[in-house]
């Protein structure tokens, strides 16, 4: 497979993952994704931001999130986010430190 085709396939897979998380499975909470998989929608938006910044595109955290989510974080939270349990919050602290650490703060 040539490099351009690989890039296009990877981009298509990313777009499908985004659609799955943003349209098909809005019921899946970020905190559960982070606790189980070590990443969530916010991580994906941060990786998008980092890729843009690496290419010299000035993009902040909130701009990247809004581009990824297709809406403001406040709107996403009001539509889809539920209250985290104390157990979820405790597991998140561990998962965040293990998977993101100080780089995501």
N, C-alpha and C. Protein backbone atom coordinates (compact mmCIF):
# COMPACT_ATOMS: atom_id res chain seq x y z
N UNK A 1 0.86 -1.18 0.00
CA UNK A 1 0.00 0.00 0.00
C UNK A 1 0.89 1.23 0.00
N UNK A 2 0.54 2.20 -0.83
CA UNK A 2 1.34 3.42 -0.87
C UNK A 2 0.99 4.31 0.32
N UNK A 3 1.89 5.23 0.63
CA UNK A 3 1.76 6.06 1.82
C UNK A 3 0.51 6.95 1.80
N UNK A 4 0.19 7.52 0.65
CA UNK A 4 -0.99 8.39 0.56
C UNK A 4 -2.27 7.61 0.82
N UNK A 5 -2.36 6.40 0.28
CA UNK A 5 -3.54 5.57 0.52
C UNK A 5 -3.65 5.23 2.00
N UNK A 6 -2.52 4.92 2.63
CA UNK A 6 -2.53 4.62 4.06
C UNK A 6 -3.02 5.82 4.86
N UNK A 7 -2.54 7.01 4.54
CA UNK A 7 -2.97 8.24 5.22
C UNK A 7 -4.48 8.43 5.05
N UNK A 8 -4.99 8.22 3.85
CA UNK A 8 -6.42 8.40 3.59
C UNK A 8 -7.25 7.38 4.35
N UNK A 9 -6.79 6.14 4.43
CA UNK A 9 -7.52 5.11 5.17
C UNK A 9 -7.51 5.40 6.66
N UNK A 10 -6.36 5.86 7.18
CA UNK A 10 -6.28 6.21 8.59
C UNK A 10 -7.21 7.39 8.90
N UNK A 11 -7.25 8.36 8.01
CA UNK A 11 -8.15 9.51 8.21
C UNK A 11 -9.60 9.06 8.18
N UNK A 12 -9.94 8.15 7.27
CA UNK A 12 -11.32 7.65 7.19
C UNK A 12 -11.68 6.89 8.45
N UNK A 13 -10.74 6.10 8.98
CA UNK A 13 -11.00 5.35 10.22
C UNK A 13 -11.20 6.33 11.38
N UNK A 14 -10.41 7.39 11.44
CA UNK A 14 -10.57 8.40 12.49
C UNK A 14 -11.94 9.06 12.38
N UNK A 15 -12.34 9.43 11.17
CA UNK A 15 -13.65 10.07 11.00
C UNK A 15 -14.77 9.12 11.42
N UNK A 16 -14.62 7.84 11.15
CA UNK A 16 -15.65 6.87 11.54
C UNK A 16 -15.68 6.69 13.05
N UNK A 17 -14.51 6.68 13.70
CA UNK A 17 -14.45 6.62 15.16
C UNK A 17 -15.13 7.84 15.76
N UNK A 18 -14.84 9.00 15.22
CA UNK A 18 -15.46 10.23 15.71
C UNK A 18 -16.97 10.15 15.58
N UNK A 19 -17.47 9.73 14.41
CA UNK A 19 -18.91 9.60 14.20
C UNK A 19 -19.51 8.61 15.21
N UNK A 20 -18.85 7.50 15.41
CA UNK A 20 -19.34 6.50 16.35
C UNK A 20 -19.48 7.08 17.75
N UNK A 21 -18.46 7.81 18.19
CA UNK A 21 -18.48 8.38 19.54
C UNK A 21 -19.39 9.59 19.67
N UNK A 22 -19.52 10.37 18.61
CA UNK A 22 -20.26 11.63 18.69
C UNK A 22 -21.72 11.52 18.27
N UNK A 23 -22.04 10.49 17.47
CA UNK A 23 -23.41 10.35 16.98
C UNK A 23 -24.05 9.03 17.39
N UNK A 24 -23.31 7.95 17.26
CA UNK A 24 -23.89 6.62 17.50
C UNK A 24 -23.93 6.24 18.97
N UNK A 25 -22.92 6.66 19.74
CA UNK A 25 -22.82 6.22 21.14
C UNK A 25 -22.61 7.40 22.09
N UNK A 26 -23.50 8.37 22.00
CA UNK A 26 -23.42 9.51 22.92
C UNK A 26 -23.69 9.08 24.35
N UNK A 27 -24.25 7.88 24.53
CA UNK A 27 -24.53 7.37 25.87
C UNK A 27 -23.27 6.94 26.61
N UNK A 28 -22.21 6.67 25.89
CA UNK A 28 -20.97 6.24 26.52
C UNK A 28 -20.28 7.47 27.10
N UNK A 29 -20.05 7.44 28.39
CA UNK A 29 -19.48 8.59 29.09
C UNK A 29 -17.96 8.63 28.94
N UNK A 30 -17.41 9.84 28.81
CA UNK A 30 -15.96 10.01 28.73
C UNK A 30 -15.25 9.35 29.91
N UNK A 31 -15.81 9.50 31.09
CA UNK A 31 -15.15 8.97 32.28
C UNK A 31 -15.05 7.44 32.19
N UNK A 32 -16.06 6.79 31.64
CA UNK A 32 -16.01 5.33 31.48
C UNK A 32 -14.98 4.93 30.43
N UNK A 33 -14.92 5.70 29.34
CA UNK A 33 -13.91 5.43 28.31
C UNK A 33 -12.51 5.55 28.90
N UNK A 34 -12.29 6.61 29.65
CA UNK A 34 -10.97 6.83 30.24
C UNK A 34 -10.63 5.73 31.23
N UNK A 35 -11.60 5.37 32.05
CA UNK A 35 -11.35 4.34 33.07
C UNK A 35 -11.08 2.98 32.44
N UNK A 36 -11.74 2.67 31.34
CA UNK A 36 -11.58 1.35 30.71
C UNK A 36 -10.49 1.31 29.65
N UNK A 37 -10.39 2.37 28.85
CA UNK A 37 -9.50 2.32 27.70
C UNK A 37 -8.28 3.24 27.80
N UNK A 38 -8.31 4.16 28.76
CA UNK A 38 -7.17 5.06 28.91
C UNK A 38 -7.20 6.26 27.98
N UNK A 39 -8.32 6.48 27.30
CA UNK A 39 -8.50 7.67 26.48
C UNK A 39 -10.00 7.95 26.37
N UNK A 40 -10.32 9.18 25.96
CA UNK A 40 -11.72 9.56 25.80
C UNK A 40 -11.83 10.58 24.67
N UNK A 41 -12.99 11.13 24.49
CA UNK A 41 -13.20 12.14 23.45
C UNK A 41 -12.27 13.33 23.64
N UNK A 42 -12.06 13.74 24.89
CA UNK A 42 -11.18 14.87 25.16
C UNK A 42 -9.75 14.56 24.73
N UNK A 43 -9.31 13.33 24.93
CA UNK A 43 -7.98 12.93 24.47
C UNK A 43 -7.89 13.04 22.96
N UNK A 44 -8.91 12.56 22.27
CA UNK A 44 -8.92 12.64 20.81
C UNK A 44 -8.86 14.09 20.34
N UNK A 45 -9.58 14.97 21.01
CA UNK A 45 -9.52 16.38 20.62
C UNK A 45 -8.15 16.97 20.93
N UNK A 46 -7.53 16.52 22.02
CA UNK A 46 -6.18 17.00 22.36
C UNK A 46 -5.17 16.52 21.33
N UNK A 47 -5.29 15.28 20.90
CA UNK A 47 -4.38 14.75 19.87
C UNK A 47 -4.55 15.50 18.56
N UNK A 48 -5.78 15.88 18.26
CA UNK A 48 -6.07 16.69 17.08
C UNK A 48 -5.37 18.05 17.21
N UNK A 49 -5.49 18.65 18.38
CA UNK A 49 -4.84 19.93 18.65
C UNK A 49 -3.33 19.80 18.52
N UNK A 50 -2.77 18.76 19.11
CA UNK A 50 -1.32 18.56 19.05
C UNK A 50 -0.84 18.39 17.61
N UNK A 51 -1.61 17.65 16.80
CA UNK A 51 -1.25 17.48 15.39
C UNK A 51 -1.29 18.81 14.66
N UNK A 52 -2.31 19.61 14.94
CA UNK A 52 -2.41 20.94 14.31
C UNK A 52 -1.24 21.81 14.73
N UNK A 53 -0.95 21.83 16.02
CA UNK A 53 0.16 22.65 16.52
C UNK A 53 1.49 22.21 15.92
N UNK A 54 1.68 20.90 15.75
CA UNK A 54 2.92 20.38 15.16
C UNK A 54 3.09 20.83 13.71
N UNK A 55 1.98 21.13 13.06
CA UNK A 55 2.02 21.62 11.67
C UNK A 55 2.03 23.15 11.61
N UNK A 56 2.17 23.79 12.76
CA UNK A 56 2.23 25.25 12.79
C UNK A 56 0.87 25.92 12.81
N UNK A 57 -0.18 25.16 13.04
CA UNK A 57 -1.53 25.72 13.12
C UNK A 57 -1.81 26.06 14.58
N UNK A 58 -2.10 27.32 14.84
CA UNK A 58 -2.38 27.76 16.21
C UNK A 58 -3.79 27.32 16.59
N UNK A 59 -3.87 26.39 17.52
CA UNK A 59 -5.17 25.87 17.96
C UNK A 59 -5.09 25.60 19.45
N UNK A 60 -6.02 26.18 20.19
CA UNK A 60 -6.08 25.96 21.62
C UNK A 60 -6.95 24.77 21.98
N UNK A 61 -6.92 24.42 23.25
CA UNK A 61 -7.67 23.27 23.76
C UNK A 61 -9.18 23.38 23.50
N UNK A 62 -9.75 24.52 23.82
CA UNK A 62 -11.19 24.67 23.67
C UNK A 62 -11.60 24.70 22.19
N UNK A 63 -10.79 25.31 21.35
CA UNK A 63 -11.07 25.31 19.91
C UNK A 63 -11.03 23.88 19.36
N UNK A 64 -10.03 23.11 19.77
CA UNK A 64 -9.93 21.72 19.32
C UNK A 64 -11.12 20.90 19.80
N UNK A 65 -11.53 21.12 21.03
CA UNK A 65 -12.69 20.38 21.55
C UNK A 65 -13.95 20.74 20.77
N UNK A 66 -14.12 22.01 20.50
CA UNK A 66 -15.32 22.43 19.77
C UNK A 66 -15.32 21.85 18.36
N UNK A 67 -14.16 21.81 17.72
CA UNK A 67 -14.07 21.21 16.39
C UNK A 67 -14.36 19.71 16.46
N UNK A 68 -13.79 19.04 17.45
CA UNK A 68 -14.01 17.60 17.56
C UNK A 68 -15.45 17.27 17.93
N UNK A 69 -15.97 17.94 18.94
CA UNK A 69 -17.32 17.67 19.43
C UNK A 69 -18.41 18.20 18.49
N UNK A 70 -18.07 19.19 17.69
CA UNK A 70 -19.08 19.79 16.82
C UNK A 70 -20.01 20.73 17.57
N UNK A 71 -19.63 21.08 18.77
CA UNK A 71 -20.42 21.97 19.63
C UNK A 71 -19.54 22.36 20.81
N UNK A 72 -20.00 23.30 21.60
CA UNK A 72 -19.22 23.68 22.78
C UNK A 72 -19.27 22.56 23.82
N UNK A 73 -18.30 22.55 24.70
CA UNK A 73 -18.30 21.55 25.77
C UNK A 73 -19.52 21.72 26.66
N UNK A 74 -19.92 22.95 26.93
CA UNK A 74 -21.11 23.18 27.75
C UNK A 74 -22.34 22.54 27.11
N UNK A 75 -22.47 22.69 25.79
CA UNK A 75 -23.61 22.09 25.10
C UNK A 75 -23.55 20.56 25.17
N UNK A 76 -22.36 19.99 24.92
CA UNK A 76 -22.19 18.52 24.99
C UNK A 76 -22.57 18.02 26.38
N UNK A 77 -22.03 18.67 27.39
CA UNK A 77 -22.30 18.24 28.76
C UNK A 77 -23.78 18.30 29.09
N UNK A 78 -24.44 19.37 28.67
CA UNK A 78 -25.87 19.49 29.00
C UNK A 78 -26.71 18.46 28.26
N UNK A 79 -26.29 18.05 27.08
CA UNK A 79 -27.04 17.08 26.29
C UNK A 79 -26.76 15.63 26.69
N UNK A 80 -25.48 15.32 27.00
CA UNK A 80 -25.10 13.91 27.07
C UNK A 80 -24.39 13.47 28.36
N UNK A 81 -23.76 14.37 29.07
CA UNK A 81 -22.96 13.95 30.21
C UNK A 81 -23.83 13.73 31.45
N UNK A 82 -23.58 12.63 32.12
CA UNK A 82 -24.27 12.33 33.37
C UNK A 82 -23.31 12.56 34.53
N UNK A 83 -23.86 12.61 35.72
CA UNK A 83 -23.06 12.82 36.93
C UNK A 83 -22.22 11.58 37.20
N UNK A 84 -20.94 11.76 37.44
CA UNK A 84 -20.05 10.64 37.75
C UNK A 84 -20.22 10.22 39.20
N UNK A 85 -20.16 8.92 39.41
CA UNK A 85 -20.23 8.40 40.78
C UNK A 85 -18.88 8.60 41.46
N UNK A 86 -18.85 8.53 42.78
CA UNK A 86 -17.57 8.62 43.48
C UNK A 86 -16.59 7.52 43.03
N UNK A 87 -17.11 6.34 42.72
CA UNK A 87 -16.24 5.24 42.25
C UNK A 87 -15.65 5.58 40.89
N UNK A 88 -16.45 6.13 39.99
CA UNK A 88 -15.95 6.53 38.68
C UNK A 88 -14.89 7.62 38.81
N UNK A 89 -15.14 8.57 39.69
CA UNK A 89 -14.19 9.67 39.88
C UNK A 89 -12.86 9.15 40.43
N UNK A 90 -12.91 8.22 41.37
CA UNK A 90 -11.67 7.66 41.93
C UNK A 90 -10.90 6.89 40.87
N UNK A 91 -11.60 6.08 40.08
CA UNK A 91 -10.95 5.32 39.01
C UNK A 91 -10.37 6.26 37.96
N UNK A 92 -11.06 7.37 37.71
CA UNK A 92 -10.59 8.34 36.72
C UNK A 92 -9.27 8.96 37.15
N UNK A 93 -9.13 9.29 38.41
CA UNK A 93 -7.87 9.89 38.89
C UNK A 93 -6.70 8.98 38.58
N UNK A 94 -6.88 7.69 38.80
CA UNK A 94 -5.83 6.71 38.53
C UNK A 94 -5.59 6.61 37.02
N UNK A 95 -6.66 6.43 36.25
CA UNK A 95 -6.53 6.27 34.80
C UNK A 95 -5.92 7.51 34.16
N UNK A 96 -6.32 8.68 34.60
CA UNK A 96 -5.79 9.92 34.02
C UNK A 96 -4.29 10.01 34.28
N UNK A 97 -3.89 9.75 35.49
CA UNK A 97 -2.46 9.84 35.83
C UNK A 97 -1.65 8.82 35.04
N UNK A 98 -2.17 7.61 34.91
CA UNK A 98 -1.46 6.56 34.18
C UNK A 98 -1.37 6.85 32.69
N UNK A 99 -2.41 7.43 32.12
CA UNK A 99 -2.49 7.57 30.68
C UNK A 99 -2.19 8.95 30.14
N UNK A 100 -2.41 9.96 30.95
CA UNK A 100 -2.20 11.33 30.49
C UNK A 100 -1.13 12.02 31.33
N UNK A 101 -1.23 11.87 32.63
CA UNK A 101 -0.25 12.49 33.52
C UNK A 101 -0.25 13.98 33.40
N UNK A 102 0.90 14.57 33.60
CA UNK A 102 1.01 16.03 33.61
C UNK A 102 0.90 16.63 32.20
N UNK A 103 1.08 15.83 31.15
CA UNK A 103 1.02 16.38 29.79
C UNK A 103 -0.36 16.88 29.40
N UNK A 104 -1.42 16.33 30.03
CA UNK A 104 -2.77 16.73 29.66
C UNK A 104 -3.38 17.78 30.55
N UNK A 105 -2.64 18.26 31.52
CA UNK A 105 -3.20 19.23 32.47
C UNK A 105 -3.07 20.63 31.97
